[in-house]
N, C-alpha and C. Protein backbone atom coordinates (compact mmCIF):
# COMPACT_ATOMS: atom_id res chain seq x y z
N MET A 1 -87.26 -83.46 -7.88
CA MET A 1 -87.65 -83.35 -6.31
C MET A 1 -86.49 -83.13 -5.39
N LYS A 2 -86.91 -82.31 -4.50
CA LYS A 2 -85.93 -82.04 -3.55
C LYS A 2 -85.99 -82.85 -2.49
N ASN A 3 -84.83 -83.04 -1.83
CA ASN A 3 -84.32 -83.63 -0.65
C ASN A 3 -84.73 -82.95 0.54
N LYS A 4 -85.69 -83.73 1.33
CA LYS A 4 -86.10 -83.11 2.73
C LYS A 4 -85.51 -83.73 3.85
N ARG A 5 -84.73 -82.79 4.58
CA ARG A 5 -83.97 -83.42 5.79
C ARG A 5 -84.88 -83.49 7.04
N ASP A 6 -84.79 -84.37 7.75
CA ASP A 6 -85.51 -84.56 8.86
C ASP A 6 -84.58 -84.09 10.05
N ASN A 7 -84.91 -82.56 10.55
CA ASN A 7 -84.29 -81.98 11.52
C ASN A 7 -85.02 -82.18 12.98
N ARG A 8 -84.65 -83.01 13.69
CA ARG A 8 -85.42 -83.23 14.95
C ARG A 8 -84.55 -82.65 15.96
N GLY A 9 -83.21 -82.35 15.76
CA GLY A 9 -82.48 -81.93 17.02
C GLY A 9 -80.96 -81.84 16.46
N VAL A 10 -80.07 -81.82 17.50
CA VAL A 10 -78.68 -81.22 17.31
C VAL A 10 -77.78 -82.57 17.15
N THR A 11 -76.63 -82.74 16.59
CA THR A 11 -75.89 -83.65 16.32
C THR A 11 -75.03 -83.85 17.71
N LEU A 12 -74.35 -84.81 18.00
CA LEU A 12 -73.59 -84.84 19.05
C LEU A 12 -72.22 -84.03 19.08
N ILE A 13 -71.78 -83.81 17.87
CA ILE A 13 -70.69 -82.80 17.48
C ILE A 13 -71.02 -81.35 17.91
N GLU A 14 -72.33 -81.19 17.46
CA GLU A 14 -72.65 -79.75 17.78
C GLU A 14 -72.86 -79.43 19.32
N LEU A 15 -73.47 -80.62 19.97
CA LEU A 15 -73.50 -80.41 21.32
C LEU A 15 -72.17 -80.28 22.06
N ILE A 16 -71.15 -81.15 21.48
CA ILE A 16 -69.84 -81.02 22.43
C ILE A 16 -69.26 -79.60 22.03
N ALA A 17 -69.33 -79.17 20.66
CA ALA A 17 -68.84 -77.62 20.54
C ALA A 17 -69.53 -76.55 21.25
N ALA A 18 -70.67 -76.82 21.55
CA ALA A 18 -71.37 -75.69 22.29
C ALA A 18 -71.00 -75.81 23.68
N ILE A 19 -70.75 -76.76 24.28
CA ILE A 19 -70.48 -77.12 25.81
C ILE A 19 -68.85 -76.53 25.76
N ALA A 20 -68.08 -76.90 24.79
CA ALA A 20 -66.76 -76.42 24.90
C ALA A 20 -66.50 -75.05 24.68
N ILE A 21 -67.38 -74.32 23.94
CA ILE A 21 -67.44 -72.69 23.95
C ILE A 21 -67.83 -72.17 25.12
N MET A 22 -68.93 -72.71 25.80
CA MET A 22 -69.48 -72.25 27.19
C MET A 22 -68.29 -72.55 28.22
N GLY A 23 -67.48 -73.67 28.05
CA GLY A 23 -66.35 -73.73 29.08
C GLY A 23 -65.28 -72.76 28.91
N ILE A 24 -64.98 -72.23 27.62
CA ILE A 24 -63.85 -71.47 27.45
C ILE A 24 -64.40 -70.11 27.99
N ILE A 25 -65.79 -69.65 27.68
CA ILE A 25 -66.08 -68.31 28.06
C ILE A 25 -66.12 -68.33 29.66
N THR A 26 -66.59 -69.52 30.27
CA THR A 26 -66.89 -69.38 31.62
C THR A 26 -65.37 -69.07 32.49
N SER A 27 -64.44 -69.88 31.74
CA SER A 27 -63.09 -69.66 32.65
C SER A 27 -62.26 -68.47 32.25
N ALA A 28 -62.69 -67.58 31.07
CA ALA A 28 -62.16 -66.52 30.82
C ALA A 28 -62.70 -65.38 31.76
N LEU A 29 -64.12 -65.62 32.14
CA LEU A 29 -64.73 -64.75 33.05
C LEU A 29 -64.25 -65.01 34.38
N THR A 30 -64.01 -66.04 34.77
CA THR A 30 -63.61 -66.40 36.00
C THR A 30 -62.08 -65.88 36.20
N VAL A 31 -61.18 -66.08 35.53
CA VAL A 31 -59.98 -65.35 35.47
C VAL A 31 -60.01 -64.18 35.75
N GLY A 32 -60.90 -63.32 34.80
CA GLY A 32 -61.01 -61.85 35.04
C GLY A 32 -61.43 -61.33 36.31
N ILE A 33 -62.44 -62.00 36.92
CA ILE A 33 -63.10 -61.71 38.21
C ILE A 33 -61.95 -61.80 39.22
N PHE A 34 -61.18 -62.99 39.36
CA PHE A 34 -60.19 -63.04 40.21
C PHE A 34 -59.12 -62.04 40.00
N THR A 35 -58.78 -61.82 38.70
CA THR A 35 -57.69 -60.57 38.65
C THR A 35 -58.20 -59.42 39.15
N ILE A 36 -59.36 -58.95 39.04
CA ILE A 36 -60.13 -57.80 39.44
C ILE A 36 -60.01 -57.61 41.00
N THR A 37 -60.52 -58.96 41.68
CA THR A 37 -60.30 -58.89 42.96
C THR A 37 -59.11 -58.78 43.78
N ASN A 38 -57.99 -59.64 43.04
CA ASN A 38 -56.82 -59.37 43.68
C ASN A 38 -56.04 -58.07 43.40
N GLN A 39 -56.51 -57.39 42.43
CA GLN A 39 -55.91 -56.02 42.16
C GLN A 39 -56.58 -55.18 43.13
N ARG A 40 -57.87 -55.29 43.42
CA ARG A 40 -58.37 -54.40 44.48
C ARG A 40 -57.98 -54.57 45.96
N VAL A 41 -57.49 -55.81 46.10
CA VAL A 41 -56.86 -56.08 47.37
C VAL A 41 -55.31 -55.48 47.60
N ASN A 42 -54.63 -55.85 46.49
CA ASN A 42 -53.43 -55.05 46.27
C ASN A 42 -53.30 -53.56 46.44
N ASN A 43 -54.20 -53.02 45.69
CA ASN A 43 -54.11 -51.52 45.68
C ASN A 43 -54.55 -51.01 46.99
N ALA A 44 -55.61 -51.63 47.92
CA ALA A 44 -55.96 -51.27 49.00
C ALA A 44 -54.67 -51.32 50.17
N CYS A 45 -53.85 -52.52 50.03
CA CYS A 45 -52.88 -52.70 50.93
C CYS A 45 -51.85 -51.72 50.66
N ASN A 46 -51.48 -51.34 49.38
CA ASN A 46 -50.48 -50.39 49.04
C ASN A 46 -50.81 -49.07 49.39
N SER A 47 -52.19 -48.75 49.35
CA SER A 47 -52.59 -47.44 49.90
C SER A 47 -52.49 -47.26 51.33
N ILE A 48 -52.63 -48.36 52.16
CA ILE A 48 -52.56 -48.44 53.66
C ILE A 48 -51.07 -48.26 54.07
N LYS A 49 -50.17 -49.14 53.32
CA LYS A 49 -48.73 -49.09 53.60
C LYS A 49 -48.28 -47.74 53.33
N GLU A 50 -48.76 -46.97 52.15
CA GLU A 50 -48.35 -45.66 51.74
C GLU A 50 -48.66 -44.54 53.04
N ALA A 51 -49.96 -44.85 53.59
CA ALA A 51 -50.39 -43.99 54.35
C ALA A 51 -49.57 -43.95 55.76
N ILE A 52 -49.41 -45.32 56.03
CA ILE A 52 -48.60 -45.70 57.38
C ILE A 52 -47.01 -44.91 57.21
N GLN A 53 -46.46 -45.11 56.03
CA GLN A 53 -45.12 -44.64 55.80
C GLN A 53 -45.19 -42.89 55.72
N LEU A 54 -46.42 -42.40 55.10
CA LEU A 54 -46.41 -41.08 55.62
C LEU A 54 -46.49 -40.52 56.89
N GLY A 55 -47.43 -41.25 57.57
CA GLY A 55 -47.51 -40.86 59.07
C GLY A 55 -46.09 -41.12 59.63
N GLN A 56 -45.41 -42.13 59.47
CA GLN A 56 -44.32 -42.27 60.14
C GLN A 56 -43.08 -41.24 59.91
N THR A 57 -43.16 -40.84 58.63
CA THR A 57 -42.29 -39.66 57.92
C THR A 57 -42.54 -38.53 58.59
N TYR A 58 -43.95 -38.21 58.83
CA TYR A 58 -44.46 -36.89 59.39
C TYR A 58 -43.86 -36.86 60.72
N VAL A 59 -44.26 -37.78 61.45
CA VAL A 59 -44.12 -37.96 63.00
C VAL A 59 -42.83 -37.41 63.43
N LYS A 60 -41.79 -38.22 62.54
CA LYS A 60 -40.32 -38.17 63.10
C LYS A 60 -39.81 -36.74 62.72
N SER A 61 -40.45 -36.12 61.58
CA SER A 61 -39.95 -34.68 61.29
C SER A 61 -40.72 -33.60 61.80
N LYS A 62 -41.96 -33.93 62.01
CA LYS A 62 -42.69 -32.56 62.46
C LYS A 62 -43.47 -32.61 63.70
N GLY A 63 -44.12 -33.72 64.24
CA GLY A 63 -44.85 -33.74 65.21
C GLY A 63 -45.78 -34.92 65.34
N ALA A 64 -46.88 -34.48 66.20
CA ALA A 64 -47.87 -35.63 66.42
C ALA A 64 -48.63 -35.95 64.98
N CYS A 65 -48.89 -37.24 64.98
CA CYS A 65 -49.82 -37.53 63.61
C CYS A 65 -50.40 -39.13 64.13
N LYS A 66 -51.41 -39.15 63.54
CA LYS A 66 -52.27 -40.38 63.80
C LYS A 66 -52.99 -40.70 62.23
N MET A 67 -53.13 -41.89 61.97
CA MET A 67 -53.70 -42.53 60.95
C MET A 67 -55.09 -43.06 61.35
N SER A 68 -56.01 -42.98 60.46
CA SER A 68 -57.42 -43.39 60.98
C SER A 68 -58.07 -43.99 59.98
N PHE A 69 -58.79 -45.15 60.26
CA PHE A 69 -59.62 -45.93 59.12
C PHE A 69 -60.85 -45.51 59.60
N GLU A 70 -61.79 -45.02 58.52
CA GLU A 70 -63.21 -44.37 58.92
C GLU A 70 -64.23 -44.65 57.67
N GLN A 71 -65.19 -45.13 57.92
CA GLN A 71 -66.17 -45.51 56.64
C GLN A 71 -67.03 -43.98 56.40
N ASN A 72 -66.92 -43.77 55.24
CA ASN A 72 -67.62 -42.42 54.47
C ASN A 72 -69.24 -42.70 54.56
N SER A 73 -69.81 -41.89 54.13
CA SER A 73 -71.43 -41.85 53.99
C SER A 73 -71.66 -42.81 52.66
N ASP A 74 -70.72 -43.21 51.86
CA ASP A 74 -71.07 -44.06 50.76
C ASP A 74 -70.54 -45.28 51.03
N GLY A 75 -70.17 -45.75 52.29
CA GLY A 75 -69.87 -47.14 52.59
C GLY A 75 -68.29 -47.32 52.37
N GLU A 76 -67.61 -46.59 51.89
CA GLU A 76 -66.31 -46.88 51.62
C GLU A 76 -65.21 -46.70 52.85
N VAL A 77 -64.25 -47.48 52.91
CA VAL A 77 -63.35 -47.35 54.01
C VAL A 77 -62.37 -46.21 53.68
N GLU A 78 -62.01 -45.11 54.27
CA GLU A 78 -61.17 -43.88 53.98
C GLU A 78 -59.87 -44.38 54.72
N VAL A 79 -58.80 -44.16 54.37
CA VAL A 79 -57.62 -44.03 55.16
C VAL A 79 -57.18 -42.59 55.10
N VAL A 80 -57.17 -42.19 56.43
CA VAL A 80 -57.02 -40.58 56.68
C VAL A 80 -55.87 -40.31 57.60
N ILE A 81 -54.87 -39.29 57.35
CA ILE A 81 -53.92 -38.86 58.21
C ILE A 81 -54.30 -37.62 58.99
N TYR A 82 -54.04 -37.61 60.39
CA TYR A 82 -54.44 -36.38 61.08
C TYR A 82 -53.03 -35.75 61.52
N THR A 83 -52.96 -34.79 61.33
CA THR A 83 -51.50 -34.04 61.71
C THR A 83 -51.75 -32.83 62.83
N SER A 84 -50.86 -32.68 63.40
CA SER A 84 -50.83 -31.39 64.32
C SER A 84 -50.77 -30.25 63.80
N ASP A 85 -50.19 -30.01 62.73
CA ASP A 85 -49.90 -28.82 61.98
C ASP A 85 -50.85 -28.62 60.85
N SER A 86 -51.61 -27.41 60.85
CA SER A 86 -52.68 -27.23 59.71
C SER A 86 -52.03 -26.65 58.53
N GLU A 87 -50.75 -26.23 58.62
CA GLU A 87 -50.23 -25.57 57.41
C GLU A 87 -49.24 -26.52 56.66
N ILE A 88 -49.10 -27.76 56.62
CA ILE A 88 -48.23 -28.38 55.84
C ILE A 88 -48.72 -29.18 54.52
N THR A 89 -47.69 -29.60 53.93
CA THR A 89 -48.19 -30.23 52.72
C THR A 89 -47.67 -31.80 52.70
N LEU A 90 -48.51 -32.75 52.51
CA LEU A 90 -47.88 -34.19 52.46
C LEU A 90 -47.83 -34.70 51.01
N TYR A 91 -46.69 -35.17 50.73
CA TYR A 91 -46.53 -35.99 49.53
C TYR A 91 -46.44 -37.29 49.55
N SER A 92 -47.08 -37.97 48.55
CA SER A 92 -47.14 -39.46 48.57
C SER A 92 -46.20 -39.84 47.03
N ALA A 93 -46.17 -40.93 46.90
CA ALA A 93 -45.62 -41.24 45.51
C ALA A 93 -46.42 -40.71 44.27
N ALA A 94 -47.81 -40.81 44.55
CA ALA A 94 -48.63 -40.29 43.51
C ALA A 94 -48.51 -38.89 43.37
N GLY A 95 -47.98 -37.94 44.35
CA GLY A 95 -47.75 -36.55 44.05
C GLY A 95 -48.35 -35.96 45.55
N LYS A 96 -49.03 -34.68 45.45
CA LYS A 96 -49.52 -34.11 46.33
C LYS A 96 -50.60 -34.48 46.93
N VAL A 97 -50.62 -34.81 48.33
CA VAL A 97 -51.92 -35.51 49.03
C VAL A 97 -52.91 -34.45 49.44
N GLY A 98 -52.57 -33.33 49.95
CA GLY A 98 -53.27 -32.38 50.63
C GLY A 98 -52.26 -31.29 51.29
N THR A 99 -53.09 -30.32 51.49
CA THR A 99 -52.51 -29.02 52.36
C THR A 99 -53.62 -28.18 52.95
N ASN A 100 -53.15 -27.44 53.93
CA ASN A 100 -54.09 -26.40 54.69
C ASN A 100 -55.33 -26.93 55.31
N THR A 101 -54.93 -28.27 55.78
CA THR A 101 -55.80 -28.93 56.85
C THR A 101 -55.14 -29.96 57.57
N ASN A 102 -55.75 -30.25 58.76
CA ASN A 102 -55.02 -31.19 59.43
C ASN A 102 -55.46 -32.69 59.34
N ARG A 103 -56.55 -32.82 58.44
CA ARG A 103 -57.20 -34.03 57.91
C ARG A 103 -57.10 -34.13 56.48
N ARG A 104 -56.28 -35.22 56.18
CA ARG A 104 -55.98 -35.60 54.80
C ARG A 104 -56.40 -36.86 54.36
N VAL A 105 -57.28 -37.08 53.54
CA VAL A 105 -57.73 -38.51 53.06
C VAL A 105 -56.68 -38.94 52.01
N ILE A 106 -56.05 -40.05 52.50
CA ILE A 106 -54.90 -40.64 51.53
C ILE A 106 -55.35 -41.47 50.69
N ALA A 107 -56.40 -42.17 51.05
CA ALA A 107 -56.86 -43.21 49.92
C ALA A 107 -58.63 -43.46 50.45
N THR A 108 -59.12 -43.79 49.45
CA THR A 108 -60.57 -44.15 49.40
C THR A 108 -60.70 -45.49 48.73
N LEU A 109 -60.94 -46.49 49.76
CA LEU A 109 -60.76 -48.18 49.21
C LEU A 109 -62.26 -48.61 48.80
N ASN A 110 -62.01 -49.20 47.79
CA ASN A 110 -63.33 -49.59 46.99
C ASN A 110 -64.31 -50.14 47.97
N LYS A 111 -65.48 -49.95 47.69
CA LYS A 111 -66.89 -50.39 48.64
C LYS A 111 -66.85 -51.95 48.93
N LYS A 112 -66.14 -52.81 48.02
CA LYS A 112 -66.13 -54.20 48.27
C LYS A 112 -65.02 -54.61 49.41
N ILE A 113 -64.04 -53.75 49.63
CA ILE A 113 -62.98 -54.06 50.33
C ILE A 113 -63.49 -53.89 51.82
N LYS A 114 -63.10 -54.98 52.67
CA LYS A 114 -63.31 -54.89 54.04
C LYS A 114 -62.02 -54.86 54.84
N VAL A 115 -61.97 -54.12 55.75
CA VAL A 115 -60.45 -53.62 56.36
C VAL A 115 -60.87 -54.02 58.11
N THR A 116 -60.15 -54.86 58.44
CA THR A 116 -60.04 -55.44 59.96
C THR A 116 -58.72 -55.30 60.63
N VAL A 117 -58.76 -54.27 61.60
CA VAL A 117 -57.43 -54.08 62.43
C VAL A 117 -57.31 -55.45 63.43
N GLY A 118 -56.22 -55.77 63.55
CA GLY A 118 -55.80 -56.84 64.72
C GLY A 118 -54.91 -56.49 65.61
N TYR A 119 -55.19 -56.63 66.84
CA TYR A 119 -54.66 -56.15 67.99
C TYR A 119 -53.89 -57.08 68.80
N LYS A 120 -53.15 -56.81 69.79
CA LYS A 120 -52.24 -57.63 70.76
C LYS A 120 -53.24 -58.62 71.67
N THR A 121 -53.92 -57.71 72.31
CA THR A 121 -54.70 -58.41 73.35
C THR A 121 -56.35 -58.39 73.11
N GLN A 122 -56.65 -57.23 72.42
CA GLN A 122 -58.22 -57.27 72.13
C GLN A 122 -58.38 -57.97 70.97
N SER A 123 -59.99 -58.11 70.58
CA SER A 123 -60.27 -59.01 69.52
C SER A 123 -60.14 -58.20 68.33
N ASP A 124 -60.06 -58.66 67.05
CA ASP A 124 -60.10 -57.90 65.80
C ASP A 124 -61.22 -57.02 65.81
N PHE A 125 -61.01 -55.94 65.11
CA PHE A 125 -61.98 -54.78 64.70
C PHE A 125 -62.28 -54.37 63.49
N GLU A 126 -63.40 -54.61 63.01
CA GLU A 126 -63.71 -54.46 61.67
C GLU A 126 -64.21 -53.08 61.49
N ILE A 127 -63.83 -52.43 60.45
CA ILE A 127 -64.10 -51.02 60.07
C ILE A 127 -65.34 -50.78 59.25
N THR A 128 -66.48 -50.77 60.30
CA THR A 128 -67.90 -50.66 59.39
C THR A 128 -68.60 -49.49 60.26
N GLY A 129 -69.77 -48.85 59.41
CA GLY A 129 -70.44 -47.79 59.89
C GLY A 129 -69.71 -46.72 60.82
N SER A 130 -70.10 -46.75 62.19
CA SER A 130 -69.31 -45.93 63.01
C SER A 130 -68.17 -46.49 63.68
N ASN A 131 -67.60 -47.71 63.25
CA ASN A 131 -66.49 -48.08 63.99
C ASN A 131 -65.30 -47.32 63.20
N VAL A 132 -64.34 -46.78 64.01
CA VAL A 132 -63.36 -45.88 63.82
C VAL A 132 -62.09 -46.39 64.54
N ALA A 133 -61.05 -46.67 63.83
CA ALA A 133 -59.72 -47.18 64.39
C ALA A 133 -58.65 -46.03 64.19
N ASP A 134 -58.02 -45.39 65.34
CA ASP A 134 -56.98 -44.38 65.15
C ASP A 134 -55.73 -45.30 65.57
N ILE A 135 -54.77 -44.94 64.66
CA ILE A 135 -53.36 -45.37 65.03
C ILE A 135 -52.15 -44.29 65.32
N THR A 136 -51.87 -44.19 66.44
CA THR A 136 -50.90 -43.15 66.65
C THR A 136 -49.50 -43.58 66.60
N PHE A 137 -48.48 -42.89 65.82
CA PHE A 137 -47.09 -42.96 65.82
C PHE A 137 -46.44 -42.56 66.84
N ASN A 138 -45.22 -43.42 67.05
CA ASN A 138 -44.37 -43.22 68.08
C ASN A 138 -43.13 -42.01 67.44
N ARG A 139 -42.84 -40.87 68.02
CA ARG A 139 -42.18 -39.87 67.65
C ARG A 139 -40.47 -40.50 67.32
N SER A 140 -40.14 -41.21 68.25
CA SER A 140 -38.66 -41.47 68.25
C SER A 140 -38.47 -42.41 67.06
N MET A 141 -39.23 -43.44 66.98
CA MET A 141 -39.00 -44.33 65.91
C MET A 141 -39.72 -44.47 64.49
N GLY A 142 -41.05 -43.99 64.85
CA GLY A 142 -41.92 -44.03 63.80
C GLY A 142 -42.85 -45.37 63.97
N GLY A 143 -42.70 -46.09 64.99
CA GLY A 143 -43.35 -47.26 65.29
C GLY A 143 -44.88 -47.00 65.73
N ILE A 144 -45.58 -48.12 65.84
CA ILE A 144 -46.98 -47.74 66.38
C ILE A 144 -47.28 -47.66 67.88
N GLU A 145 -47.59 -46.45 68.24
CA GLU A 145 -47.51 -46.40 69.75
C GLU A 145 -48.94 -47.01 70.41
N GLU A 146 -49.85 -46.95 69.78
CA GLU A 146 -51.29 -47.29 70.24
C GLU A 146 -52.24 -47.21 69.10
N SER A 147 -53.65 -47.65 69.49
CA SER A 147 -54.71 -47.38 68.62
C SER A 147 -56.03 -47.11 69.46
N CYS A 148 -56.54 -45.95 69.20
CA CYS A 148 -57.74 -45.92 69.74
C CYS A 148 -59.02 -46.35 68.98
N ARG A 149 -59.93 -47.26 69.56
CA ARG A 149 -60.92 -47.67 68.83
C ARG A 149 -62.10 -46.97 69.24
N SER A 150 -63.27 -46.86 68.53
CA SER A 150 -64.47 -46.21 68.85
C SER A 150 -65.25 -47.06 69.72
N ASP A 151 -64.84 -48.28 70.11
CA ASP A 151 -65.58 -49.01 71.10
C ASP A 151 -64.97 -48.82 72.46
N GLY A 152 -63.99 -47.94 72.49
CA GLY A 152 -63.20 -47.82 73.92
C GLY A 152 -62.36 -48.75 74.15
N ASN A 153 -62.02 -49.96 73.51
CA ASN A 153 -61.05 -50.98 73.60
C ASN A 153 -59.58 -50.81 73.16
N ASP A 154 -58.98 -49.85 73.72
CA ASP A 154 -57.66 -49.33 73.02
C ASP A 154 -56.62 -50.48 73.09
N ASP A 155 -55.82 -50.54 72.19
CA ASP A 155 -54.53 -51.63 72.32
C ASP A 155 -53.72 -51.12 71.30
N VAL A 156 -52.69 -52.11 71.04
CA VAL A 156 -51.50 -51.93 70.08
C VAL A 156 -51.83 -52.64 68.88
N PRO A 157 -51.99 -52.17 67.62
CA PRO A 157 -52.22 -52.92 66.70
C PRO A 157 -51.26 -53.79 65.84
N THR A 158 -51.22 -54.93 65.56
CA THR A 158 -50.26 -55.75 65.11
C THR A 158 -50.53 -56.24 63.63
N SER A 159 -51.72 -55.85 63.15
CA SER A 159 -51.84 -56.29 61.75
C SER A 159 -53.23 -55.58 61.05
N ILE A 160 -53.32 -55.28 59.74
CA ILE A 160 -54.37 -55.03 59.27
C ILE A 160 -54.86 -55.90 58.19
N THR A 161 -55.91 -56.52 58.13
CA THR A 161 -56.35 -57.52 57.11
C THR A 161 -57.48 -56.65 56.07
N VAL A 162 -56.96 -57.07 54.99
CA VAL A 162 -57.84 -56.48 53.79
C VAL A 162 -58.58 -57.72 53.02
N THR A 163 -59.75 -57.48 52.97
CA THR A 163 -60.37 -58.76 52.33
C THR A 163 -61.30 -58.19 51.29
N ASN A 164 -61.47 -58.85 49.96
CA ASN A 164 -62.47 -58.64 49.00
C ASN A 164 -62.95 -59.97 48.42
N GLY A 165 -64.21 -60.33 48.90
CA GLY A 165 -64.62 -61.82 48.60
C GLY A 165 -63.75 -62.71 49.27
N SER A 166 -63.17 -63.66 48.47
CA SER A 166 -62.30 -64.76 48.90
C SER A 166 -60.74 -64.41 49.05
N LYS A 167 -60.38 -63.15 48.52
CA LYS A 167 -59.15 -62.91 48.55
C LYS A 167 -58.74 -62.05 49.73
N THR A 168 -57.80 -62.40 50.66
CA THR A 168 -57.45 -61.77 51.93
C THR A 168 -55.95 -61.53 51.87
N LYS A 169 -55.45 -60.31 52.43
CA LYS A 169 -54.00 -60.18 52.35
C LYS A 169 -53.69 -59.44 53.98
N VAL A 170 -52.89 -59.96 54.52
CA VAL A 170 -52.70 -59.45 56.02
C VAL A 170 -51.47 -58.43 55.93
N ILE A 171 -51.43 -57.32 56.31
CA ILE A 171 -50.34 -56.39 56.68
C ILE A 171 -49.87 -56.58 58.12
N LYS A 172 -48.65 -57.09 58.35
CA LYS A 172 -47.87 -57.16 59.54
C LYS A 172 -47.33 -55.90 60.19
N ILE A 173 -47.32 -55.36 61.17
CA ILE A 173 -46.89 -54.08 61.61
C ILE A 173 -45.97 -54.63 62.80
N ALA A 174 -44.56 -54.42 62.78
CA ALA A 174 -43.87 -54.55 63.86
C ALA A 174 -43.84 -53.12 64.90
N THR A 175 -44.51 -53.51 65.82
CA THR A 175 -45.13 -52.33 66.89
C THR A 175 -44.03 -51.35 66.98
N TYR A 176 -42.99 -51.79 67.54
CA TYR A 176 -41.98 -50.83 67.96
C TYR A 176 -41.29 -49.88 66.78
N THR A 177 -40.89 -50.62 65.87
CA THR A 177 -40.10 -49.94 64.85
C THR A 177 -41.08 -49.63 63.65
N GLY A 178 -42.30 -50.11 63.28
CA GLY A 178 -43.29 -49.56 62.44
C GLY A 178 -42.88 -50.32 61.06
N VAL A 179 -41.91 -51.27 61.11
CA VAL A 179 -41.78 -52.05 59.74
C VAL A 179 -43.09 -52.79 59.41
N ILE A 180 -43.31 -52.80 58.11
CA ILE A 180 -44.45 -53.38 57.56
C ILE A 180 -44.05 -54.61 56.67
N THR A 181 -44.61 -55.52 56.66
CA THR A 181 -44.35 -56.85 55.71
C THR A 181 -45.80 -57.26 55.28
N TYR A 182 -46.01 -57.95 54.10
CA TYR A 182 -47.07 -58.61 53.76
C TYR A 182 -47.20 -59.92 53.95
């Protein structure tokens, strides 16, 4: 005669094991999501810093230059350098950025990245839709001279805030010297 077991449910040990496995999986996913978020913000900050440095280098050696934050048709913020010379080539750490045009897209930031420019006397200005912020560089020092905003409230920028979800990083700009700190 066969032994019949009464299978009415799970044991306490099986339940504890299942909960422990779910906890391990959840913590691994959470760490992965935070890592991706941090990496997006860091990459965006590095791209913005590089664009500022390219603009400073160009304005000191060649002439008029401005950096612009614009949102493209896909909803991504583009970091763009405009120069006065249409026949130059800009180089970044990653190599050749562009040539034969006075508009060069230095970086296209992830759609989830939000960019806000902070000003000395005006309220902060988020780059969305038709909101555009242009930053003009000073020829003598490479510092930030002024910023033209699409809402007409021009001022001197002092910071650029990059946000992705709960992760935020602020790039501070020393106005007259153009020194950039995180």
